[in-house]
Amino acid sequence: MTAINNSLVLVTGAASGIGRGLCREMGQRGARVIGVDRDEVGLNKLAAEMSGEFHPRVCDLSDVAAIEALAAWVEDTLGPVDILINNAGVVNGTWLDETEGQAIETTFRINALAPIHLTRCLLPGMLAQDRGHVVTVASAAGIVGTARLVDYSASKAAAVGFDDALRMELKHRGSRVRTTIICPFFIDTGMFEGVQTRWPWLLPILKPDVVIRRTLKTIEKSRTRLIMPWLVYTAWPARLLPLAWFDRLMRFLGVSQTMDAFTGRKPRE
């Protein structure tokens, strides 16, 4: 079990969406929360809504030096982190041949590399205490690839692989530090504005409050993974099918068409 009350919790991507909701819920449950984002305005608004101890920190997670500086400040000022939630993410939502090279680099730096670097920096403190919890928010797109999400799917597949290997490494070292991977389908936070689902009763666009509530329950119970909705679990046995059959199944479920009307989050005015 992972206790939230009195824990030091660091949440990336804290200024909006799921990260914002997790910060607020963690604060209400008695955690000391560090909210990290590059959006200073959003962090300041969150700070005004938070209950309990809250530390907003502006950080560009695509910059390794900035991540290392953030981790050093946290441990020097507040001590070892008990719960790290690698939640920050970006999406382009364009055809691969229409995606700029720098945009792909940024996607991988934030979605795949930032969780690795931030965990690398904060893990020694957890290991020294022989306790802690590393939570990585990936995506169902990291399990099944989707059109117009080539770079995003690849980066989230890397995040899934990171959690998998880290979990095995910690067990091999005899550590009691735990890991959790979160793989939701599209969430109605604005980040994926315009996405559609062919079968809402099978693959619903998820409500943020449901994802936040289930994520917190998963953390508290120290479960190793949370996949939403249940149908995504079937992707693993479906991989045993010939690829042509698997691709037809994904088209039938509408997975390949989900991004056809994608517009994404509107810029902040």
C-alpha atoms as a PDB file:
ATOM      1  CA  MET A   1       0.000   0.000   0.000  1.00  0.00           C
ATOM      2  CA  THR A   2       1.150   3.547  -0.798  1.00  0.00           C
ATOM      3  CA  ALA A   3       0.169   6.222   1.716  1.00  0.00           C
ATOM      4  CA  ILE A   4      -0.696   9.621   0.221  1.00  0.00           C
ATOM      5  CA  ASN A   5      -1.202  11.550   3.461  1.00  0.00           C
ATOM      6  CA  ASN A   6       2.014  13.364   4.485  1.00  0.00           C
ATOM      7  CA  SER A   7       3.833  12.041   1.398  1.00  0.00           C
ATOM      8  CA  LEU A   8       5.961  14.286  -0.801  1.00  0.00           C
ATOM      9  CA  VAL A   9       4.435  13.976  -4.275  1.00  0.00           C
ATOM     10  CA  LEU A  10       5.839  15.380  -7.516  1.00  0.00           C
ATOM     11  CA  VAL A  11       3.479  15.644 -10.492  1.00  0.00           C
ATOM     12  CA  THR A  12       4.645  16.709 -13.960  1.00  0.00           C
ATOM     13  CA  GLY A  13       2.232  18.302 -16.412  1.00  0.00           C
ATOM     14  CA  ALA A  14       0.519  19.844 -13.406  1.00  0.00           C
ATOM     15  CA  ALA A  15      -0.913  22.990 -14.989  1.00  0.00           C
ATOM     16  CA  SER A  16      -3.759  21.318 -16.880  1.00  0.00           C
ATOM     17  CA  GLY A  17      -5.714  18.144 -17.492  1.00  0.00           C
ATOM     18  CA  ILE A  18      -5.082  15.007 -15.462  1.00  0.00           C
ATOM     19  CA  GLY A  19      -1.982  16.454 -13.807  1.00  0.00           C
ATOM     20  CA  ARG A  20      -3.964  19.376 -12.443  1.00  0.00           C
ATOM     21  CA  GLY A  21      -6.655  17.090 -11.078  1.00  0.00           C
ATOM     22  CA  LEU A  22      -4.131  14.753  -9.484  1.00  0.00           C
ATOM     23  CA  CYS A  23      -2.434  17.672  -7.727  1.00  0.00           C
ATOM     24  CA  ARG A  24      -5.723  18.908  -6.294  1.00  0.00           C
ATOM     25  CA  GLU A  25      -6.801  15.454  -5.114  1.00  0.00           C
ATOM     26  CA  MET A  26      -3.381  14.723  -3.630  1.00  0.00           C
ATOM     27  CA  GLY A  27      -3.476  18.021  -1.745  1.00  0.00           C
ATOM     28  CA  GLN A  28      -6.933  17.284  -0.387  1.00  0.00           C
ATOM     29  CA  ARG A  29      -5.658  13.931   0.887  1.00  0.00           C
ATOM     30  CA  GLY A  30      -2.897  15.564   2.887  1.00  0.00           C
ATOM     31  CA  ALA A  31       0.063  15.234   0.533  1.00  0.00           C
ATOM     32  CA  ARG A  32       2.826  17.806   0.133  1.00  0.00           C
ATOM     33  CA  VAL A  33       2.622  18.464  -3.584  1.00  0.00           C
ATOM     34  CA  ILE A  34       5.185  19.716  -6.080  1.00  0.00           C
ATOM     35  CA  GLY A  35       3.500  20.725  -9.335  1.00  0.00           C
ATOM     36  CA  VAL A  36       5.834  20.899 -12.331  1.00  0.00           C
ATOM     37  CA  ASP A  37       4.994  22.424 -15.705  1.00  0.00           C
ATOM     38  CA  ARG A  38       6.393  24.866 -18.254  1.00  0.00           C
ATOM     39  CA  ASP A  39       3.134  26.857 -18.050  1.00  0.00           C
ATOM     40  CA  GLU A  40       3.732  29.362 -15.259  1.00  0.00           C
ATOM     41  CA  VAL A  41       0.307  30.992 -15.626  1.00  0.00           C
ATOM     42  CA  GLY A  42      -1.435  27.634 -15.282  1.00  0.00           C
ATOM     43  CA  LEU A  43       0.680  26.719 -12.252  1.00  0.00           C
ATOM     44  CA  ASN A  44      -0.163  29.997 -10.527  1.00  0.00           C
ATOM     45  CA  LYS A  45      -3.871  29.389 -11.098  1.00  0.00           C
ATOM     46  CA  LEU A  46      -3.518  25.906  -9.667  1.00  0.00           C
ATOM     47  CA  ALA A  47      -1.659  27.263  -6.647  1.00  0.00           C
ATOM     48  CA  ALA A  48      -4.647  29.487  -5.855  1.00  0.00           C
ATOM     49  CA  GLU A  49      -6.923  26.417  -5.823  1.00  0.00           C
ATOM     50  CA  MET A  50      -4.708  24.074  -3.827  1.00  0.00           C
ATOM     51  CA  SER A  51      -5.278  23.067  -0.239  1.00  0.00           C
ATOM     52  CA  GLY A  52      -2.296  22.244   1.940  1.00  0.00           C
ATOM     53  CA  GLU A  53       1.376  22.541   1.051  1.00  0.00           C
ATOM     54  CA  PHE A  54       2.006  23.200  -2.646  1.00  0.00           C
ATOM     55  CA  HIS A  55       5.195  24.075  -4.503  1.00  0.00           C
ATOM     56  CA  PRO A  56       4.779  25.204  -8.130  1.00  0.00           C
ATOM     57  CA  ARG A  57       7.946  24.751 -10.195  1.00  0.00           C
ATOM     58  CA  VAL A  58       8.356  25.924 -13.780  1.00  0.00           C
ATOM     59  CA  CYS A  59      10.520  23.476 -15.720  1.00  0.00           C
ATOM     60  CA  ASP A  60      11.137  22.644 -19.365  1.00  0.00           C
ATOM     61  CA  LEU A  61      11.118  18.854 -19.255  1.00  0.00           C
ATOM     62  CA  SER A  62      12.661  18.638 -22.723  1.00  0.00           C
ATOM     63  CA  ASP A  63      15.907  19.967 -21.179  1.00  0.00           C
ATOM     64  CA  VAL A  64      17.972  17.404 -19.251  1.00  0.00           C
ATOM     65  CA  ALA A  65      19.899  20.106 -17.373  1.00  0.00           C
ATOM     66  CA  ALA A  66      16.593  21.672 -16.245  1.00  0.00           C
ATOM     67  CA  ILE A  67      15.366  18.290 -15.002  1.00  0.00           C
ATOM     68  CA  GLU A  68      18.575  17.737 -13.041  1.00  0.00           C
ATOM     69  CA  ALA A  69      18.319  21.224 -11.526  1.00  0.00           C
ATOM     70  CA  LEU A  70      14.687  20.580 -10.554  1.00  0.00           C
ATOM     71  CA  ALA A  71      15.557  17.286  -8.866  1.00  0.00           C
ATOM     72  CA  ALA A  72      18.457  18.882  -6.979  1.00  0.00           C
ATOM     73  CA  TRP A  73      16.209  21.700  -5.718  1.00  0.00           C
ATOM     74  CA  VAL A  74      13.527  19.237  -4.585  1.00  0.00           C
ATOM     75  CA  GLU A  75      15.890  17.042  -2.590  1.00  0.00           C
ATOM     76  CA  ASP A  76      17.889  19.945  -1.145  1.00  0.00           C
ATOM     77  CA  THR A  77      14.775  21.910  -0.147  1.00  0.00           C
ATOM     78  CA  LEU A  78      12.079  19.329   0.580  1.00  0.00           C
ATOM     79  CA  GLY A  79      13.840  15.977   0.831  1.00  0.00           C
ATOM     80  CA  PRO A  80      13.332  12.671  -1.015  1.00  0.00           C
ATOM     81  CA  VAL A  81      10.186  12.304  -3.101  1.00  0.00           C
ATOM     82  CA  ASP A  82       7.775   9.572  -1.985  1.00  0.00           C
ATOM     83  CA  ILE A  83       5.563   9.490  -5.094  1.00  0.00           C
ATOM     84  CA  LEU A  84       6.702  10.602  -8.545  1.00  0.00           C
ATOM     85  CA  ILE A  85       3.983  10.919 -11.179  1.00  0.00           C
ATOM     86  CA  ASN A  86       5.448  11.236 -14.681  1.00  0.00           C
ATOM     87  CA  ASN A  87       2.354  12.689 -16.308  1.00  0.00           C
ATOM     88  CA  ALA A  88       3.511  15.431 -18.701  1.00  0.00           C
ATOM     89  CA  GLY A  89       2.866  14.739 -22.364  1.00  0.00           C
ATOM     90  CA  VAL A  90       2.584  16.421 -25.758  1.00  0.00           C
ATOM     91  CA  VAL A  91       0.966  15.385 -29.024  1.00  0.00           C
ATOM     92  CA  ASN A  92       1.305  16.603 -32.611  1.00  0.00           C
ATOM     93  CA  GLY A  93      -1.551  14.664 -34.229  1.00  0.00           C
ATOM     94  CA  THR A  94      -0.217  15.022 -37.787  1.00  0.00           C
ATOM     95  CA  TRP A  95       0.732  12.591 -40.544  1.00  0.00           C
ATOM     96  CA  LEU A  96       4.335  11.517 -40.092  1.00  0.00           C
ATOM     97  CA  ASP A  97       5.517  13.060 -43.369  1.00  0.00           C
ATOM     98  CA  GLU A  98       3.902  16.381 -42.341  1.00  0.00           C
ATOM     99  CA  THR A  99       5.447  16.465 -38.857  1.00  0.00           C
ATOM    100  CA  GLU A 100       8.481  18.684 -38.323  1.00  0.00           C
ATOM    101  CA  GLY A 101      11.637  17.003 -37.098  1.00  0.00           C
ATOM    102  CA  GLN A 102      11.914  19.271 -34.061  1.00  0.00           C
ATOM    103  CA  ALA A 103       8.314  18.475 -33.077  1.00  0.00           C
ATOM    104  CA  ILE A 104       9.160  14.761 -33.093  1.00  0.00           C
ATOM    105  CA  GLU A 105      12.244  15.437 -30.974  1.00  0.00           C
ATOM    106  CA  THR A 106      10.141  17.361 -28.449  1.00  0.00           C
ATOM    107  CA  THR A 107       7.557  14.581 -28.295  1.00  0.00           C
ATOM    108  CA  PHE A 108      10.221  12.028 -27.398  1.00  0.00           C
ATOM    109  CA  ARG A 109      12.028  14.327 -24.976  1.00  0.00           C
ATOM    110  CA  ILE A 110       8.866  14.985 -22.952  1.00  0.00           C
ATOM    111  CA  ASN A 111       6.887  11.750 -23.355  1.00  0.00           C
ATOM    112  CA  ALA A 112       9.720   9.221 -23.214  1.00  0.00           C
ATOM    113  CA  LEU A 113      12.997  10.734 -22.016  1.00  0.00           C
ATOM    114  CA  ALA A 114      11.766  13.106 -19.283  1.00  0.00           C
ATOM    115  CA  PRO A 115      10.285  10.261 -17.172  1.00  0.00           C
ATOM    116  CA  ILE A 116      13.570   8.357 -17.440  1.00  0.00           C
ATOM    117  CA  HIS A 117      15.751  11.345 -16.536  1.00  0.00           C
ATOM    118  CA  LEU A 118      13.531  12.585 -13.693  1.00  0.00           C
ATOM    119  CA  THR A 119      13.276   9.094 -12.230  1.00  0.00           C
ATOM    120  CA  ARG A 120      17.042   8.655 -12.590  1.00  0.00           C
ATOM    121  CA  CYS A 121      17.592  11.804 -10.560  1.00  0.00           C
ATOM    122  CA  LEU A 122      15.032  11.082  -7.826  1.00  0.00           C
ATOM    123  CA  LEU A 123      15.475   7.325  -7.532  1.00  0.00           C
ATOM    124  CA  PRO A 124      18.567   7.444  -5.267  1.00  0.00           C
ATOM    125  CA  GLY A 125      16.502   9.175  -2.569  1.00  0.00           C
ATOM    126  CA  MET A 126      13.838   6.490  -2.805  1.00  0.00           C
ATOM    127  CA  LEU A 127      16.407   3.692  -2.738  1.00  0.00           C
ATOM    128  CA  ALA A 128      18.061   5.189   0.345  1.00  0.00           C
ATOM    129  CA  GLN A 129      14.703   5.077   2.165  1.00  0.00           C
ATOM    130  CA  ASP A 130      13.832   1.722   0.567  1.00  0.00           C
ATOM    131  CA  ARG A 131      10.392   3.050  -0.283  1.00  0.00           C
ATOM    132  CA  GLY A 132       8.756   5.144  -2.968  1.00  0.00           C
ATOM    133  CA  HIS A 133       6.450   4.903  -5.937  1.00  0.00           C
ATOM    134  CA  VAL A 134       7.180   5.808  -9.575  1.00  0.00           C
ATOM    135  CA  VAL A 135       4.000   6.295 -11.613  1.00  0.00           C
ATOM    136  CA  THR A 136       4.241   6.729 -15.388  1.00  0.00           C
ATOM    137  CA  VAL A 137       1.230   7.915 -17.381  1.00  0.00           C
ATOM    138  CA  ALA A 138       1.582   6.369 -20.827  1.00  0.00           C
ATOM    139  CA  SER A 139      -1.328   5.691 -23.178  1.00  0.00           C
ATOM    140  CA  ALA A 140      -3.324   2.977 -24.907  1.00  0.00           C
ATOM    141  CA  ALA A 141      -1.570   4.361 -28.006  1.00  0.00           C
ATOM    142  CA  GLY A 142       1.628   2.926 -26.539  1.00  0.00           C
ATOM    143  CA  ILE A 143       0.042  -0.532 -26.781  1.00  0.00           C
ATOM    144  CA  VAL A 144      -1.681  -0.188 -30.169  1.00  0.00           C
ATOM    145  CA  GLY A 145      -0.359   2.213 -32.808  1.00  0.00           C
ATOM    146  CA  THR A 146      -2.727   4.733 -34.351  1.00  0.00           C
ATOM    147  CA  ALA A 147      -2.736   6.760 -37.565  1.00  0.00           C
ATOM    148  CA  ARG A 148      -1.604  10.387 -37.109  1.00  0.00           C
ATOM    149  CA  LEU A 149       0.016   9.364 -33.821  1.00  0.00           C
ATOM    150  CA  VAL A 150       3.162   7.683 -35.132  1.00  0.00           C
ATOM    151  CA  ASP A 151       5.618   9.697 -33.021  1.00  0.00           C
ATOM    152  CA  TYR A 152       3.235   9.845 -30.039  1.00  0.00           C
ATOM    153  CA  SER A 153       2.563   6.082 -30.097  1.00  0.00           C
ATOM    154  CA  ALA A 154       6.280   5.350 -30.368  1.00  0.00           C
ATOM    155  CA  SER A 155       7.078   7.647 -27.434  1.00  0.00           C
ATOM    156  CA  LYS A 156       4.364   6.105 -25.262  1.00  0.00           C
ATOM    157  CA  ALA A 157       5.511   2.590 -26.189  1.00  0.00           C
ATOM    158  CA  ALA A 158       8.919   3.690 -24.901  1.00  0.00           C
ATOM    159  CA  ALA A 159       7.266   4.839 -21.660  1.00  0.00           C
ATOM    160  CA  VAL A 160       5.623   1.409 -21.282  1.00  0.00           C
ATOM    161  CA  GLY A 161       8.996  -0.259 -21.848  1.00  0.00           C
ATOM    162  CA  PHE A 162      10.616   2.063 -19.322  1.00  0.00           C
ATOM    163  CA  ASP A 163       8.159   1.073 -16.605  1.00  0.00           C
ATOM    164  CA  ASP A 164       8.492  -2.613 -17.465  1.00  0.00           C
ATOM    165  CA  ALA A 165      12.289  -2.619 -17.247  1.00  0.00           C
ATOM    166  CA  LEU A 166      12.397  -0.373 -14.163  1.00  0.00           C
ATOM    167  CA  ARG A 167      10.001  -2.667 -12.308  1.00  0.00           C
ATOM    168  CA  MET A 168      12.182  -5.683 -13.096  1.00  0.00           C
ATOM    169  CA  GLU A 169      15.354  -3.795 -12.164  1.00  0.00           C
ATOM    170  CA  LEU A 170      13.981  -2.768  -8.773  1.00  0.00           C
ATOM    171  CA  LYS A 171      12.866  -6.312  -8.013  1.00  0.00           C
ATOM    172  CA  HIS A 172      16.265  -7.650  -9.046  1.00  0.00           C
ATOM    173  CA  ARG A 173      17.905  -5.236  -6.593  1.00  0.00           C
ATOM    174  CA  GLY A 174      15.584  -6.281  -3.785  1.00  0.00           C
ATOM    175  CA  SER A 175      14.130  -2.774  -3.478  1.00  0.00           C
ATOM    176  CA  ARG A 176      10.692  -2.001  -2.069  1.00  0.00           C
ATOM    177  CA  VAL A 177      10.293   0.976  -4.429  1.00  0.00           C
ATOM    178  CA  ARG A 178       7.205   0.336  -6.556  1.00  0.00           C
ATOM    179  CA  THR A 179       6.188   1.286 -10.095  1.00  0.00           C
ATOM    180  CA  THR A 180       2.846   1.744 -11.842  1.00  0.00           C
ATOM    181  CA  ILE A 181       2.039   2.229 -15.520  1.00  0.00           C
ATOM    182  CA  ILE A 182      -1.189   4.022 -16.531  1.00  0.00           C
ATOM    183  CA  CYS A 183      -2.467   3.405 -20.079  1.00  0.00           C
ATOM    184  CA  PRO A 184      -5.769   5.176 -20.763  1.00  0.00           C
ATOM    185  CA  PHE A 185      -7.652   5.574 -24.032  1.00  0.00           C
ATOM    186  CA  PHE A 186      -8.332   9.184 -25.068  1.00  0.00           C
ATOM    187  CA  ILE A 187      -9.342  11.461 -22.186  1.00  0.00           C
ATOM    188  CA  ASP A 188     -11.688  14.444 -22.510  1.00  0.00           C
ATOM    189  CA  THR A 189      -9.213  17.085 -21.288  1.00  0.00           C
ATOM    190  CA  GLY A 190      -8.857  19.115 -24.505  1.00  0.00           C
ATOM    191  CA  MET A 191      -5.451  17.677 -25.402  1.00  0.00           C
ATOM    192  CA  PHE A 192      -7.148  15.328 -27.889  1.00  0.00           C
ATOM    193  CA  GLU A 193     -10.005  17.628 -28.866  1.00  0.00           C
ATOM    194  CA  GLY A 194     -11.875  16.270 -31.875  1.00  0.00           C
ATOM    195  CA  VAL A 195     -11.004  12.573 -31.496  1.00  0.00           C
ATOM    196  CA  GLN A 196     -13.836  10.175 -32.175  1.00  0.00           C
ATOM    197  CA  THR A 197     -14.683   6.625 -31.195  1.00  0.00           C
ATOM    198  CA  ARG A 198     -16.680   4.233 -33.345  1.00  0.00           C
ATOM    199  CA  TRP A 199     -18.006   2.165 -30.443  1.00  0.00           C
ATOM    200  CA  PRO A 200     -18.473   4.464 -27.384  1.00  0.00           C
ATOM    201  CA  TRP A 201     -19.758   1.581 -25.238  1.00  0.00           C
ATOM    202  CA  LEU A 202     -16.565  -0.423 -25.942  1.00  0.00           C
ATOM    203  CA  LEU A 203     -13.977   2.358 -26.313  1.00  0.00           C
ATOM    204  CA  PRO A 204     -15.423   5.439 -24.599  1.00  0.00           C
ATOM    205  CA  ILE A 205     -13.693   8.806 -24.518  1.00  0.00           C
ATOM    206  CA  LEU A 206     -12.766   8.815 -20.837  1.00  0.00           C
ATOM    207  CA  LYS A 207     -13.936  11.416 -18.337  1.00  0.00           C
ATOM    208  CA  PRO A 208     -11.073  13.121 -16.436  1.00  0.00           C
ATOM    209  CA  ASP A 209     -12.614  12.600 -12.997  1.00  0.00           C
ATOM    210  CA  VAL A 210     -12.914   8.843 -13.642  1.00  0.00           C
ATOM    211  CA  VAL A 211      -9.268   8.600 -14.713  1.00  0.00           C
ATOM    212  CA  ILE A 212      -8.104  10.641 -11.711  1.00  0.00           C
ATOM    213  CA  ARG A 213     -10.143   8.597  -9.237  1.00  0.00           C
ATOM    214  CA  ARG A 214      -8.982   5.267 -10.631  1.00  0.00           C
ATOM    215  CA  THR A 215      -5.374   6.445 -10.834  1.00  0.00           C
ATOM    216  CA  LEU A 216      -5.384   7.438  -7.174  1.00  0.00           C
ATOM    217  CA  LYS A 217      -6.912   4.101  -6.178  1.00  0.00           C
ATOM    218  CA  THR A 218      -4.277   2.274  -8.224  1.00  0.00           C
ATOM    219  CA  ILE A 219      -1.480   4.232  -6.527  1.00  0.00           C
ATOM    220  CA  GLU A 220      -2.880   3.699  -3.037  1.00  0.00           C
ATOM    221  CA  LYS A 221      -3.184  -0.048  -3.605  1.00  0.00           C
ATOM    222  CA  SER A 222       0.310  -0.198  -5.206  1.00  0.00           C
ATOM    223  CA  ARG A 223      -1.044  -1.935  -8.271  1.00  0.00           C
ATOM    224  CA  THR A 224       1.435  -2.313 -11.104  1.00  0.00           C
ATOM    225  CA  ARG A 225      -0.771  -1.118 -13.950  1.00  0.00           C
ATOM    226  CA  LEU A 226      -4.064   0.497 -14.893  1.00  0.00           C
ATOM    227  CA  ILE A 227      -5.459   0.041 -18.405  1.00  0.00           C
ATOM    228  CA  MET A 228      -8.638   1.904 -19.411  1.00  0.00           C
ATOM    229  CA  PRO A 229     -11.091   0.809 -20.713  1.00  0.00           C
ATOM    230  CA  TRP A 230     -10.974  -2.980 -20.272  1.00  0.00           C
ATOM    231  CA  LEU A 231     -11.068  -3.641 -24.044  1.00  0.00           C
ATOM    232  CA  VAL A 232      -7.474  -2.376 -24.368  1.00  0.00           C
ATOM    233  CA  TYR A 233      -6.320  -5.459 -22.435  1.00  0.00           C
ATOM    234  CA  THR A 234      -7.378  -7.607 -25.405  1.00  0.00           C
ATOM    235  CA  ALA A 235      -4.674  -6.004 -27.560  1.00  0.00           C
ATOM    236  CA  TRP A 236      -2.076  -8.420 -26.148  1.00  0.00           C
ATOM    237  CA  PRO A 237      -3.816 -11.707 -27.069  1.00  0.00           C
ATOM    238  CA  ALA A 238      -4.933 -10.106 -30.362  1.00  0.00           C
ATOM    239  CA  ARG A 239      -1.243  -9.693 -31.224  1.00  0.00           C
ATOM    240  CA  LEU A 240      -1.111 -13.461 -31.690  1.00  0.00           C
ATOM    241  CA  LEU A 241      -3.256 -13.066 -34.806  1.00  0.00           C
ATOM    242  CA  PRO A 242      -1.629 -12.657 -38.229  1.00  0.00           C
ATOM    243  CA  LEU A 243      -0.880  -8.952 -38.687  1.00  0.00           C
ATOM    244  CA  ALA A 244      -3.361  -8.601 -41.543  1.00  0.00           C
ATOM    245  CA  TRP A 245      -6.141  -9.913 -39.253  1.00  0.00           C
ATOM    246  CA  PHE A 246      -4.983  -7.709 -36.384  1.00  0.00           C
ATOM    247  CA  ASP A 247      -5.040  -4.628 -38.636  1.00  0.00           C
ATOM    248  CA  ARG A 248      -8.561  -5.482 -39.840  1.00  0.00           C
ATOM    249  CA  LEU A 249      -9.697  -5.839 -36.233  1.00  0.00           C
ATOM    250  CA  MET A 250      -8.272  -2.407 -35.366  1.00  0.00           C
ATOM    251  CA  ARG A 251     -10.027  -0.883 -38.383  1.00  0.00           C
ATOM    252  CA  PHE A 252     -13.302  -2.569 -37.393  1.00  0.00           C
ATOM    253  CA  LEU A 253     -12.974  -1.144 -33.870  1.00  0.00           C
ATOM    254  CA  GLY A 254     -12.297   2.271 -35.400  1.00  0.00           C
ATOM    255  CA  VAL A 255      -8.871   2.647 -33.811  1.00  0.00           C
ATOM    256  CA  SER A 256      -7.229   3.776 -37.051  1.00  0.00           C
ATOM    257  CA  GLN A 257      -9.895   6.447 -37.612  1.00  0.00           C
ATOM    258  CA  THR A 258      -9.959   8.000 -34.141  1.00  0.00           C
ATOM    259  CA  MET A 259      -7.735  10.947 -35.135  1.00  0.00           C
ATOM    260  CA  ASP A 260      -9.488  11.852 -38.402  1.00  0.00           C
ATOM    261  CA  ALA A 261     -11.239  14.916 -36.889  1.00  0.00           C
ATOM    262  CA  PHE A 262      -8.504  15.781 -34.374  1.00  0.00           C
ATOM    263  CA  THR A 263      -7.990  19.490 -33.654  1.00  0.00           C
ATOM    264  CA  GLY A 264      -6.150  19.433 -30.316  1.00  0.00           C
ATOM    265  CA  ARG A 265      -6.081  21.880 -27.460  1.00  0.00           C
ATOM    266  CA  LYS A 266      -6.596  25.509 -28.400  1.00  0.00           C
ATOM    267  CA  PRO A 267      -3.752  27.896 -27.490  1.00  0.00           C
ATOM    268  CA  ARG A 268      -4.236  29.803 -24.228  1.00  0.00           C
ATOM    269  CA  GLU A 269      -5.411  33.358 -24.889  1.00  0.00           C
END
